[in-house]
PDB file of N, CA and C in Angstrom:
ATOM      1  N   MET A   1       0.849  -1.180   0.000  1.00  0.00           N
ATOM      2  CA  MET A   1       0.000   0.000   0.000  1.00  0.00           C
ATOM      3  C   MET A   1       0.892   1.239   0.000  1.00  0.00           C
ATOM      4  N   ASN A   2       0.464   2.235  -0.698  1.00  0.00           N
ATOM      5  CA  ASN A   2       1.228   3.469  -0.794  1.00  0.00           C
ATOM      6  C   ASN A   2       1.286   4.159   0.568  1.00  0.00           C
ATOM      7  N   ILE A   3       2.460   4.643   0.922  1.00  0.00           N
ATOM      8  CA  ILE A   3       2.625   5.277   2.235  1.00  0.00           C
ATOM      9  C   ILE A   3       1.836   6.585   2.322  1.00  0.00           C
ATOM     10  N   ALA A   4       1.588   7.228   1.179  1.00  0.00           N
ATOM     11  CA  ALA A   4       0.780   8.454   1.200  1.00  0.00           C
ATOM     12  C   ALA A   4      -0.638   8.159   1.662  1.00  0.00           C
ATOM     13  N   VAL A   5      -1.162   7.026   1.252  1.00  0.00           N
ATOM     14  CA  VAL A   5      -2.512   6.642   1.673  1.00  0.00           C
ATOM     15  C   VAL A   5      -2.537   6.429   3.179  1.00  0.00           C
ATOM     16  N   LEU A   6      -1.535   5.758   3.698  1.00  0.00           N
ATOM     17  CA  LEU A   6      -1.476   5.531   5.142  1.00  0.00           C
ATOM     18  C   LEU A   6      -1.303   6.838   5.905  1.00  0.00           C
ATOM     19  N   PHE A   7      -0.455   7.707   5.381  1.00  0.00           N
ATOM     20  CA  PHE A   7      -0.143   8.958   6.074  1.00  0.00           C
ATOM     21  C   PHE A   7      -1.349   9.886   6.154  1.00  0.00           C
ATOM     22  N   TYR A   8      -2.183   9.893   5.117  1.00  0.00           N
ATOM     23  CA  TYR A   8      -3.308  10.821   5.084  1.00  0.00           C
ATOM     24  C   TYR A   8      -4.637  10.204   5.489  1.00  0.00           C
ATOM     25  N   LEU A   9      -4.896   8.976   5.070  1.00  0.00           N
ATOM     26  CA  LEU A   9      -6.225   8.422   5.308  1.00  0.00           C
ATOM     27  C   LEU A   9      -6.389   7.800   6.684  1.00  0.00           C
ATOM     28  N   VAL A  10      -5.325   7.280   7.268  1.00  0.00           N
ATOM     29  CA  VAL A  10      -5.449   6.712   8.617  1.00  0.00           C
ATOM     30  C   VAL A  10      -5.847   7.787   9.631  1.00  0.00           C
ATOM     31  N   PRO A  11      -5.204   8.971   9.645  1.00  0.00           N
ATOM     32  CA  PRO A  11      -5.682  10.006  10.577  1.00  0.00           C
ATOM     33  C   PRO A  11      -7.124  10.426  10.308  1.00  0.00           C
ATOM     34  N   PHE A  12      -7.541  10.406   9.052  1.00  0.00           N
ATOM     35  CA  PHE A  12      -8.923  10.741   8.719  1.00  0.00           C
ATOM     36  C   PHE A  12      -9.889   9.763   9.378  1.00  0.00           C
ATOM     37  N   PHE A  13      -9.622   8.476   9.265  1.00  0.00           N
ATOM     38  CA  PHE A  13     -10.520   7.487   9.863  1.00  0.00           C
ATOM     39  C   PHE A  13     -10.447   7.513  11.391  1.00  0.00           C
ATOM     40  N   VAL A  14      -9.274   7.805  11.942  1.00  0.00           N
ATOM     41  CA  VAL A  14      -9.160   7.931  13.398  1.00  0.00           C
ATOM     42  C   VAL A  14     -10.002   9.109  13.883  1.00  0.00           C
ATOM     43  N   LEU A  15      -9.927  10.234  13.176  1.00  0.00           N
ATOM     44  CA  LEU A  15     -10.761  11.382  13.539  1.00  0.00           C
ATOM     45  C   LEU A  15     -12.243  11.050  13.451  1.00  0.00           C
ATOM     46  N   MET A  16     -12.620  10.318  12.428  1.00  0.00           N
ATOM     47  CA  MET A  16     -14.034   9.962  12.275  1.00  0.00           C
ATOM     48  C   MET A  16     -14.505   9.086  13.425  1.00  0.00           C
ATOM     49  N   VAL A  17     -13.680   8.128  13.832  1.00  0.00           N
ATOM     50  CA  VAL A  17     -14.072   7.237  14.924  1.00  0.00           C
ATOM     51  C   VAL A  17     -14.107   7.996  16.246  1.00  0.00           C
ATOM     52  N   LEU A  18     -13.074   8.794  16.513  1.00  0.00           N
ATOM     53  CA  LEU A  18     -13.016   9.514  17.779  1.00  0.00           C
ATOM     54  C   LEU A  18     -14.099  10.583  17.900  1.00  0.00           C
ATOM     55  N   SER A  19     -14.513  11.138  16.781  1.00  0.00           N
ATOM     56  CA  SER A  19     -15.523  12.197  16.833  1.00  0.00           C
ATOM     57  C   SER A  19     -16.931  11.669  16.597  1.00  0.00           C
ATOM     58  N   LYS A  20     -17.082  10.365  16.601  1.00  0.00           N
ATOM     59  CA  LYS A  20     -18.399   9.723  16.426  1.00  0.00           C
ATOM     60  C   LYS A  20     -19.060  10.174  15.132  1.00  0.00           C
ATOM     61  N   GLY A  21     -18.316  10.056  14.047  1.00  0.00           N
ATOM     62  CA  GLY A  21     -18.864  10.409  12.746  1.00  0.00           C
ATOM     63  C   GLY A  21     -18.858  11.892  12.439  1.00  0.00           C
ATOM     64  N   GLY A  22     -18.111  12.679  13.156  1.00  0.00           N
ATOM     65  CA  GLY A  22     -18.020  14.112  12.903  1.00  0.00           C
ATOM     66  C   GLY A  22     -18.884  14.950  13.819  1.00  0.00           C
ATOM     67  N   ASP A  23     -19.781  14.326  14.576  1.00  0.00           N
ATOM     68  CA  ASP A  23     -20.662  15.090  15.469  1.00  0.00           C
ATOM     69  C   ASP A  23     -19.883  15.776  16.586  1.00  0.00           C
ATOM     70  N   GLY A  24     -18.851  15.116  17.089  1.00  0.00           N
ATOM     71  CA  GLY A  24     -18.042  15.710  18.153  1.00  0.00           C
ATOM     72  C   GLY A  24     -17.307  16.943  17.681  1.00  0.00           C
ATOM     73  N   ILE A  25     -16.731  16.864  16.492  1.00  0.00           N
ATOM     74  CA  ILE A  25     -16.017  18.014  15.941  1.00  0.00           C
ATOM     75  C   ILE A  25     -16.999  19.133  15.614  1.00  0.00           C
ATOM     76  N   GLU A  26     -18.163  18.766  15.096  1.00  0.00           N
ATOM     77  CA  GLU A  26     -19.167  19.779  14.762  1.00  0.00           C
ATOM     78  C   GLU A  26     -19.635  20.529  16.006  1.00  0.00           C
ATOM     79  N   SER A  27     -19.881  19.819  17.091  1.00  0.00           N
ATOM     80  CA  SER A  27     -20.319  20.498  18.317  1.00  0.00           C
ATOM     81  C   SER A  27     -19.194  21.333  18.917  1.00  0.00           C
ATOM     82  N   PHE A  28     -17.941  20.860  18.780  1.00  0.00           N
ATOM     83  CA  PHE A  28     -16.798  21.636  19.262  1.00  0.00           C
ATOM     84  C   PHE A  28     -16.674  22.946  18.489  1.00  0.00           C
ATOM     85  N   VAL A  29     -16.792  22.876  17.166  1.00  0.00           N
ATOM     86  CA  VAL A  29     -16.702  24.083  16.337  1.00  0.00           C
ATOM     87  C   VAL A  29     -17.827  25.050  16.692  1.00  0.00           C
ATOM     88  N   ALA A  30     -19.035  24.521  16.880  1.00  0.00           N
ATOM     89  CA  ALA A  30     -20.175  25.383  17.211  1.00  0.00           C
ATOM     90  C   ALA A  30     -19.978  26.067  18.557  1.00  0.00           C
ATOM     91  N   SER A  31     -19.443  25.346  19.538  1.00  0.00           N
ATOM     92  CA  SER A  31     -19.273  25.940  20.864  1.00  0.00           C
ATOM     93  C   SER A  31     -18.089  26.902  20.922  1.00  0.00           C
ATOM     94  N   GLU A  32     -17.004  26.586  20.224  1.00  0.00           N
ATOM     95  CA  GLU A  32     -15.813  27.436  20.280  1.00  0.00           C
ATOM     96  C   GLU A  32     -15.986  28.734  19.499  1.00  0.00           C
ATOM     97  N   PHE A  33     -16.603  28.651  18.337  1.00  0.00           N
ATOM     98  CA  PHE A  33     -16.694  29.825  17.471  1.00  0.00           C
ATOM     99  C   PHE A  33     -18.051  30.507  17.534  1.00  0.00           C
ATOM    100  N   GLY A  34     -18.979  29.933  18.257  1.00  0.00           N
ATOM    101  CA  GLY A  34     -20.289  30.549  18.419  1.00  0.00           C
ATOM    102  C   GLY A  34     -21.082  30.648  17.134  1.00  0.00           C
ATOM    103  N   VAL A  35     -20.955  29.650  16.277  1.00  0.00           N
ATOM    104  CA  VAL A  35     -21.695  29.657  15.012  1.00  0.00           C
ATOM    105  C   VAL A  35     -22.845  28.670  15.102  1.00  0.00           C
ATOM    106  N   GLY A  36     -23.778  28.793  14.182  1.00  0.00           N
ATOM    107  CA  GLY A  36     -24.922  27.890  14.151  1.00  0.00           C
ATOM    108  C   GLY A  36     -24.549  26.519  13.621  1.00  0.00           C
ATOM    109  N   THR A  37     -25.558  25.678  13.485  1.00  0.00           N
ATOM    110  CA  THR A  37     -25.287  24.297  13.063  1.00  0.00           C
ATOM    111  C   THR A  37     -24.871  24.209  11.608  1.00  0.00           C
ATOM    112  N   GLY A  38     -25.364  25.085  10.749  1.00  0.00           N
ATOM    113  CA  GLY A  38     -24.986  25.050   9.336  1.00  0.00           C
ATOM    114  C   GLY A  38     -23.505  25.342   9.127  1.00  0.00           C
ATOM    115  N   PRO A  39     -23.013  26.505   9.590  1.00  0.00           N
ATOM    116  CA  PRO A  39     -21.582  26.790   9.446  1.00  0.00           C
ATOM    117  C   PRO A  39     -20.696  25.799  10.204  1.00  0.00           C
ATOM    118  N   ALA A  40     -21.146  25.334  11.351  1.00  0.00           N
ATOM    119  CA  ALA A  40     -20.346  24.368  12.109  1.00  0.00           C
ATOM    120  C   ALA A  40     -20.217  23.067  11.338  1.00  0.00           C
ATOM    121  N   HIS A  41     -21.284  22.643  10.684  1.00  0.00           N
ATOM    122  CA  HIS A  41     -21.229  21.419   9.885  1.00  0.00           C
ATOM    123  C   HIS A  41     -20.262  21.588   8.719  1.00  0.00           C
ATOM    124  N   PHE A  42     -20.288  22.752   8.069  1.00  0.00           N
ATOM    125  CA  PHE A  42     -19.398  23.022   6.944  1.00  0.00           C
ATOM    126  C   PHE A  42     -17.935  23.023   7.386  1.00  0.00           C
ATOM    127  N   ILE A  43     -17.632  23.701   8.481  1.00  0.00           N
ATOM    128  CA  ILE A  43     -16.254  23.768   8.984  1.00  0.00           C
ATOM    129  C   ILE A  43     -15.775  22.391   9.423  1.00  0.00           C
ATOM    130  N   ALA A  44     -16.625  21.634  10.110  1.00  0.00           N
ATOM    131  CA  ALA A  44     -16.245  20.290  10.541  1.00  0.00           C
ATOM    132  C   ALA A  44     -16.001  19.387   9.341  1.00  0.00           C
ATOM    133  N   SER A  45     -16.803  19.528   8.295  1.00  0.00           N
ATOM    134  CA  SER A  45     -16.596  18.728   7.088  1.00  0.00           C
ATOM    135  C   SER A  45     -15.257  19.046   6.446  1.00  0.00           C
ATOM    136  N   LEU A  46     -14.903  20.333   6.406  1.00  0.00           N
ATOM    137  CA  LEU A  46     -13.603  20.708   5.848  1.00  0.00           C
ATOM    138  C   LEU A  46     -12.458  20.137   6.675  1.00  0.00           C
ATOM    139  N   LEU A  47     -12.588  20.181   7.990  1.00  0.00           N
ATOM    140  CA  LEU A  47     -11.534  19.644   8.851  1.00  0.00           C
ATOM    141  C   LEU A  47     -11.374  18.143   8.658  1.00  0.00           C
ATOM    142  N   LEU A  48     -12.485  17.435   8.512  1.00  0.00           N
ATOM    143  CA  LEU A  48     -12.410  15.987   8.359  1.00  0.00           C
ATOM    144  C   LEU A  48     -11.947  15.578   6.969  1.00  0.00           C
ATOM    145  N   MET A  49     -12.226  16.395   5.966  1.00  0.00           N
ATOM    146  CA  MET A  49     -11.841  16.043   4.600  1.00  0.00           C
ATOM    147  C   MET A  49     -10.457  16.552   4.223  1.00  0.00           C
ATOM    148  N   GLN A  50      -9.823  17.309   5.090  1.00  0.00           N
ATOM    149  CA  GLN A  50      -8.514  17.880   4.783  1.00  0.00           C
ATOM    150  C   GLN A  50      -7.482  16.827   4.369  1.00  0.00           C
ATOM    151  N   PRO A  51      -7.359  15.701   5.057  1.00  0.00           N
ATOM    152  CA  PRO A  51      -6.370  14.711   4.618  1.00  0.00           C
ATOM    153  C   PRO A  51      -6.635  14.181   3.219  1.00  0.00           C
ATOM    154  N   THR A  52      -7.886  13.942   2.876  1.00  0.00           N
ATOM    155  CA  THR A  52      -8.209  13.424   1.552  1.00  0.00           C
ATOM    156  C   THR A  52      -7.925  14.460   0.478  1.00  0.00           C
ATOM    157  N   ILE A  53      -8.271  15.707   0.737  1.00  0.00           N
ATOM    158  CA  ILE A  53      -8.009  16.774  -0.231  1.00  0.00           C
ATOM    159  C   ILE A  53      -6.510  16.959  -0.421  1.00  0.00           C
ATOM    160  N   ALA A  54      -5.764  16.934   0.661  1.00  0.00           N
ATOM    161  CA  ALA A  54      -4.308  17.084   0.564  1.00  0.00           C
ATOM    162  C   ALA A  54      -3.694  15.936  -0.225  1.00  0.00           C
ATOM    163  N   LEU A  55      -4.216  14.741  -0.038  1.00  0.00           N
ATOM    164  CA  LEU A  55      -3.704  13.588  -0.783  1.00  0.00           C
ATOM    165  C   LEU A  55      -3.952  13.763  -2.272  1.00  0.00           C
ATOM    166  N   LEU A  56      -5.127  14.216  -2.633  1.00  0.00           N
ATOM    167  CA  LEU A  56      -5.453  14.370  -4.046  1.00  0.00           C
ATOM    168  C   LEU A  56      -4.668  15.498  -4.696  1.00  0.00           C
ATOM    169  N   LEU A  57      -4.446  16.586  -3.976  1.00  0.00           N
ATOM    170  CA  LEU A  57      -3.800  17.751  -4.565  1.00  0.00           C
ATOM    171  C   LEU A  57      -2.280  17.673  -4.577  1.00  0.00           C
ATOM    172  N   SER A  58      -1.708  16.914  -3.685  1.00  0.00           N
ATOM    173  CA  SER A  58      -0.255  17.021  -3.532  1.00  0.00           C
ATOM    174  C   SER A  58       0.493  15.712  -3.760  1.00  0.00           C
ATOM    175  N   ARG A  59      -0.061  14.815  -4.543  1.00  0.00           N
ATOM    176  CA  ARG A  59       0.652  13.557  -4.801  1.00  0.00           C
ATOM    177  C   ARG A  59       2.000  13.799  -5.478  1.00  0.00           C
ATOM    178  N   LYS A  60       2.041  14.706  -6.450  1.00  0.00           N
ATOM    179  CA  LYS A  60       3.295  14.973  -7.149  1.00  0.00           C
ATOM    180  C   LYS A  60       4.300  15.657  -6.231  1.00  0.00           C
ATOM    181  N   ALA A  61       3.832  16.571  -5.395  1.00  0.00           N
ATOM    182  CA  ALA A  61       4.730  17.251  -4.458  1.00  0.00           C
ATOM    183  C   ALA A  61       5.294  16.265  -3.442  1.00  0.00           C
ATOM    184  N   LEU A  62       4.457  15.357  -2.965  1.00  0.00           N
ATOM    185  CA  LEU A  62       4.933  14.355  -2.014  1.00  0.00           C
ATOM    186  C   LEU A  62       5.937  13.415  -2.663  1.00  0.00           C
ATOM    187  N   ALA A  63       5.713  13.086  -3.919  1.00  0.00           N
ATOM    188  CA  ALA A  63       6.653  12.207  -4.616  1.00  0.00           C
ATOM    189  C   ALA A  63       8.023  12.871  -4.735  1.00  0.00           C
ATOM    190  N   LYS A  64       8.043  14.178  -4.968  1.00  0.00           N
ATOM    191  CA  LYS A  64       9.320  14.886  -5.064  1.00  0.00           C
ATOM    192  C   LYS A  64      10.061  14.871  -3.735  1.00  0.00           C
ATOM    193  N   ILE A  65       9.320  14.888  -2.636  1.00  0.00           N
ATOM    194  CA  ILE A  65       9.944  14.861  -1.316  1.00  0.00           C
ATOM    195  C   ILE A  65      10.389  13.450  -0.959  1.00  0.00           C
ATOM    196  N   TRP A  66       9.545  12.451  -1.242  1.00  0.00           N
ATOM    197  CA  TRP A  66       9.810  11.096  -0.761  1.00  0.00           C
ATOM    198  C   TRP A  66      10.814  10.325  -1.606  1.00  0.00           C
ATOM    199  N   ILE A  67      10.888  10.616  -2.897  1.00  0.00           N
ATOM    200  CA  ILE A  67      11.791   9.846  -3.748  1.00  0.00           C
ATOM    201  C   ILE A  67      13.250   9.986  -3.303  1.00  0.00           C
ATOM    202  N   PRO A  68      13.752  11.190  -2.977  1.00  0.00           N
ATOM    203  CA  PRO A  68      15.147  11.265  -2.518  1.00  0.00           C
ATOM    204  C   PRO A  68      15.413  10.476  -1.232  1.00  0.00           C
ATOM    205  N   PHE A  69      14.401  10.327  -0.381  1.00  0.00           N
ATOM    206  CA  PHE A  69      14.581   9.570   0.853  1.00  0.00           C
ATOM    207  C   PHE A  69      14.319   8.084   0.670  1.00  0.00           C
ATOM    208  N   ASP A  70      13.924   7.685  -0.527  1.00  0.00           N
ATOM    209  CA  ASP A  70      13.682   6.291  -0.880  1.00  0.00           C
ATOM    210  C   ASP A  70      12.614   5.664   0.018  1.00  0.00           C
ATOM    211  N   LEU A  71      11.571   6.428   0.303  1.00  0.00           N
ATOM    212  CA  LEU A  71      10.467   5.907   1.106  1.00  0.00           C
ATOM    213  C   LEU A  71       9.412   5.213   0.258  1.00  0.00           C
ATOM    214  N   THR A  72       9.618   5.173  -1.058  1.00  0.00           N
ATOM    215  CA  THR A  72       8.625   4.550  -1.926  1.00  0.00           C
ATOM    216  C   THR A  72       8.633   3.035  -1.799  1.00  0.00           C
ATOM    217  N   ARG A  73       9.667   2.470  -1.225  1.00  0.00           N
ATOM    218  CA  ARG A  73       9.751   1.007  -1.089  1.00  0.00           C
ATOM    219  C   ARG A  73       9.060   0.492   0.157  1.00  0.00           C
ATOM    220  N   LEU A  74       8.584   1.375   1.015  1.00  0.00           N
ATOM    221  CA  LEU A  74       7.927   0.941   2.245  1.00  0.00           C
ATOM    222  C   LEU A  74       6.584   0.329   1.972  1.00  0.00           C
TER     223      LEU A  74
END
C-alpha cells in the first residue's frame, strides 16, 4: 500500500471514529466559534476532509519529497 494513503487516510478514519462520525467536531466548532449548526457542519466537514483533499492535490509534491529519501519502497 502506498505510504501516502497511510499517512493521510489513517488520521482521517481515526478522527471519524473519535468524533463519532463528525458530530463531536461539529459540536466543538459550534461551541468554540459561536456559530450555528450550518456553518459548524461546513467547517467540521472541511476539517475531516482535509487529509483526503491534501492527498489528491499534492501527490506529485509528495513524490518529489519522498523519492530522494527512498520511502517509496515501504
